[in-house]
């Protein structure tokens, strides 16, 4: 169940990163509230996953899911730059996440 919590926490991190951008420096109320709620929820689920998973694994996976997800949201929804170097960087992050997942000795 820890991995499920961790993946959901990572997905929530993507949402709060997007709504943080939409909040315009916390000057827009609704995106600011959504940002706060998804941040707290993401951290709570990360905390639950860390009851079983090692700190390094949980934190790296959480930030990696958020980073790659935010990268994709930026490209597909915000019109951000896409080029070979950025794609390679995202692929390397995903490769690192897979290596971290399969090298973690945990039954969680």
C-alpha atoms as a PDB file:
ATOM      1  CA  UNK A   1       0.000   0.000   0.000  1.00  0.00           C
ATOM      2  CA  UNK A   2       2.975   2.323   0.560  1.00  0.00           C
ATOM      3  CA  UNK A   3       3.714   2.424  -3.160  1.00  0.00           C
ATOM      4  CA  UNK A   4       0.093   3.336  -3.910  1.00  0.00           C
ATOM      5  CA  UNK A   5       0.283   6.197  -1.402  1.00  0.00           C
ATOM      6  CA  UNK A   6       3.545   7.306  -2.937  1.00  0.00           C
ATOM      7  CA  UNK A   7       2.263   7.338  -6.522  1.00  0.00           C
ATOM      8  CA  UNK A   8      -0.858   9.277  -5.504  1.00  0.00           C
ATOM      9  CA  UNK A   9       1.341  11.716  -3.567  1.00  0.00           C
ATOM     10  CA  UNK A  10       3.455  12.219  -6.685  1.00  0.00           C
ATOM     11  CA  UNK A  11       0.383  12.826  -8.828  1.00  0.00           C
ATOM     12  CA  UNK A  12      -0.861  15.374  -6.302  1.00  0.00           C
ATOM     13  CA  UNK A  13       2.542  17.049  -6.508  1.00  0.00           C
ATOM     14  CA  UNK A  14       1.951  17.534 -10.235  1.00  0.00           C
ATOM     15  CA  UNK A  15      -1.422  19.127  -9.494  1.00  0.00           C
ATOM     16  CA  UNK A  16      -0.050  21.500  -6.894  1.00  0.00           C
ATOM     17  CA  UNK A  17       2.811  22.527  -9.144  1.00  0.00           C
ATOM     18  CA  UNK A  18       0.325  23.381 -11.890  1.00  0.00           C
ATOM     19  CA  UNK A  19      -2.062  25.241  -9.589  1.00  0.00           C
ATOM     20  CA  UNK A  20       0.874  27.050  -7.987  1.00  0.00           C
ATOM     21  CA  UNK A  21       1.706  28.406 -11.435  1.00  0.00           C
ATOM     22  CA  UNK A  22      -1.956  29.317 -11.943  1.00  0.00           C
ATOM     23  CA  UNK A  23      -2.118  31.086  -8.551  1.00  0.00           C
ATOM     24  CA  UNK A  24       0.117  33.859  -9.925  1.00  0.00           C
ATOM     25  CA  UNK A  25       2.177  34.133  -6.752  1.00  0.00           C
ATOM     26  CA  UNK A  26      -0.815  33.322  -4.509  1.00  0.00           C
ATOM     27  CA  UNK A  27      -2.716  36.342  -5.834  1.00  0.00           C
ATOM     28  CA  UNK A  28      -5.586  34.254  -7.247  1.00  0.00           C
ATOM     29  CA  UNK A  29      -7.788  32.717  -4.554  1.00  0.00           C
ATOM     30  CA  UNK A  30      -9.105  29.461  -6.067  1.00  0.00           C
ATOM     31  CA  UNK A  31      -5.785  28.210  -7.488  1.00  0.00           C
ATOM     32  CA  UNK A  32      -4.107  29.198  -4.205  1.00  0.00           C
ATOM     33  CA  UNK A  33      -6.563  27.137  -2.157  1.00  0.00           C
ATOM     34  CA  UNK A  34      -6.229  24.156  -4.508  1.00  0.00           C
ATOM     35  CA  UNK A  35      -2.448  24.454  -4.249  1.00  0.00           C
ATOM     36  CA  UNK A  36      -2.553  24.417  -0.436  1.00  0.00           C
ATOM     37  CA  UNK A  37      -4.963  21.470  -0.258  1.00  0.00           C
ATOM     38  CA  UNK A  38      -3.045  19.354  -2.774  1.00  0.00           C
ATOM     39  CA  UNK A  39       0.303  20.211  -1.129  1.00  0.00           C
ATOM     40  CA  UNK A  40      -0.937  19.091   2.284  1.00  0.00           C
ATOM     41  CA  UNK A  41      -2.548  15.965   0.820  1.00  0.00           C
ATOM     42  CA  UNK A  42       0.596  15.104  -1.116  1.00  0.00           C
ATOM     43  CA  UNK A  43       2.793  15.489   1.954  1.00  0.00           C
ATOM     44  CA  UNK A  44       0.385  13.449   4.087  1.00  0.00           C
ATOM     45  CA  UNK A  45       0.470  10.570   1.602  1.00  0.00           C
ATOM     46  CA  UNK A  46       4.247  10.836   1.302  1.00  0.00           C
ATOM     47  CA  UNK A  47       4.438  10.580   5.082  1.00  0.00           C
ATOM     48  CA  UNK A  48       2.250   7.465   5.076  1.00  0.00           C
ATOM     49  CA  UNK A  49       4.443   5.837   2.436  1.00  0.00           C
ATOM     50  CA  UNK A  50       7.537   6.570   4.530  1.00  0.00           C
ATOM     51  CA  UNK A  51       6.196   4.388   7.345  1.00  0.00           C
ATOM     52  CA  UNK A  52       7.401   1.441   5.257  1.00  0.00           C
ATOM     53  CA  UNK A  53       9.603   2.719   2.456  1.00  0.00           C
ATOM     54  CA  UNK A  54      13.114   4.051   2.981  1.00  0.00           C
ATOM     55  CA  UNK A  55      13.395   7.842   3.129  1.00  0.00           C
ATOM     56  CA  UNK A  56      15.660   8.108   0.101  1.00  0.00           C
ATOM     57  CA  UNK A  57      13.461   5.928  -2.067  1.00  0.00           C
ATOM     58  CA  UNK A  58      10.196   7.598  -1.098  1.00  0.00           C
ATOM     59  CA  UNK A  59      11.498  11.131  -1.453  1.00  0.00           C
ATOM     60  CA  UNK A  60      13.277  10.519  -4.768  1.00  0.00           C
ATOM     61  CA  UNK A  61      10.225   8.802  -6.238  1.00  0.00           C
ATOM     62  CA  UNK A  62       7.898  11.583  -5.019  1.00  0.00           C
ATOM     63  CA  UNK A  63      10.006  14.381  -6.438  1.00  0.00           C
ATOM     64  CA  UNK A  64      10.705  12.448  -9.643  1.00  0.00           C
ATOM     65  CA  UNK A  65       7.034  11.776 -10.350  1.00  0.00           C
ATOM     66  CA  UNK A  66       6.308  15.424  -9.670  1.00  0.00           C
ATOM     67  CA  UNK A  67       9.191  16.664 -11.803  1.00  0.00           C
ATOM     68  CA  UNK A  68       8.425  14.571 -14.868  1.00  0.00           C
ATOM     69  CA  UNK A  69       4.700  15.155 -14.480  1.00  0.00           C
ATOM     70  CA  UNK A  70       5.147  18.917 -14.177  1.00  0.00           C
ATOM     71  CA  UNK A  71       7.449  18.819 -17.213  1.00  0.00           C
ATOM     72  CA  UNK A  72       4.713  17.083 -19.244  1.00  0.00           C
ATOM     73  CA  UNK A  73       1.969  19.400 -17.961  1.00  0.00           C
ATOM     74  CA  UNK A  74       4.121  22.367 -18.937  1.00  0.00           C
ATOM     75  CA  UNK A  75       4.528  21.048 -22.455  1.00  0.00           C
ATOM     76  CA  UNK A  76       0.974  19.859 -23.066  1.00  0.00           C
ATOM     77  CA  UNK A  77      -1.036  22.500 -21.204  1.00  0.00           C
ATOM     78  CA  UNK A  78       1.191  25.564 -20.908  1.00  0.00           C
ATOM     79  CA  UNK A  79       2.990  25.523 -24.260  1.00  0.00           C
ATOM     80  CA  UNK A  80       6.457  25.235 -22.726  1.00  0.00           C
ATOM     81  CA  UNK A  81       9.531  24.508 -24.803  1.00  0.00           C
ATOM     82  CA  UNK A  82      10.169  20.970 -25.970  1.00  0.00           C
ATOM     83  CA  UNK A  83      13.556  20.030 -27.376  1.00  0.00           C
ATOM     84  CA  UNK A  84      15.803  16.964 -27.495  1.00  0.00           C
ATOM     85  CA  UNK A  85      17.827  17.963 -24.416  1.00  0.00           C
ATOM     86  CA  UNK A  86      14.709  18.356 -22.245  1.00  0.00           C
ATOM     87  CA  UNK A  87      13.311  15.048 -23.486  1.00  0.00           C
ATOM     88  CA  UNK A  88      16.587  13.264 -22.721  1.00  0.00           C
ATOM     89  CA  UNK A  89      16.630  14.840 -19.258  1.00  0.00           C
ATOM     90  CA  UNK A  90      13.086  13.558 -18.570  1.00  0.00           C
ATOM     91  CA  UNK A  91      14.013  10.090 -19.845  1.00  0.00           C
ATOM     92  CA  UNK A  92      17.025  10.041 -17.516  1.00  0.00           C
ATOM     93  CA  UNK A  93      14.806  10.991 -14.566  1.00  0.00           C
ATOM     94  CA  UNK A  94      12.394   8.167 -15.410  1.00  0.00           C
ATOM     95  CA  UNK A  95      15.320   5.743 -15.760  1.00  0.00           C
ATOM     96  CA  UNK A  96      16.560   6.824 -12.343  1.00  0.00           C
ATOM     97  CA  UNK A  97      13.109   6.322 -10.846  1.00  0.00           C
ATOM     98  CA  UNK A  98      12.874   2.820 -12.288  1.00  0.00           C
ATOM     99  CA  UNK A  99      16.325   1.955 -10.985  1.00  0.00           C
ATOM    100  CA  UNK A 100      15.400   3.308  -7.544  1.00  0.00           C
ATOM    101  CA  UNK A 101      12.144   1.328  -7.498  1.00  0.00           C
ATOM    102  CA  UNK A 102      13.731  -1.963  -8.517  1.00  0.00           C
ATOM    103  CA  UNK A 103      16.733  -1.558  -6.238  1.00  0.00           C
ATOM    104  CA  UNK A 104      14.633  -0.931  -3.130  1.00  0.00           C
ATOM    105  CA  UNK A 105      14.386  -3.973  -0.943  1.00  0.00           C
ATOM    106  CA  UNK A 106      10.889  -3.461   0.399  1.00  0.00           C
ATOM    107  CA  UNK A 107       7.768  -5.560   0.550  1.00  0.00           C
ATOM    108  CA  UNK A 108       5.591  -2.456   0.985  1.00  0.00           C
END
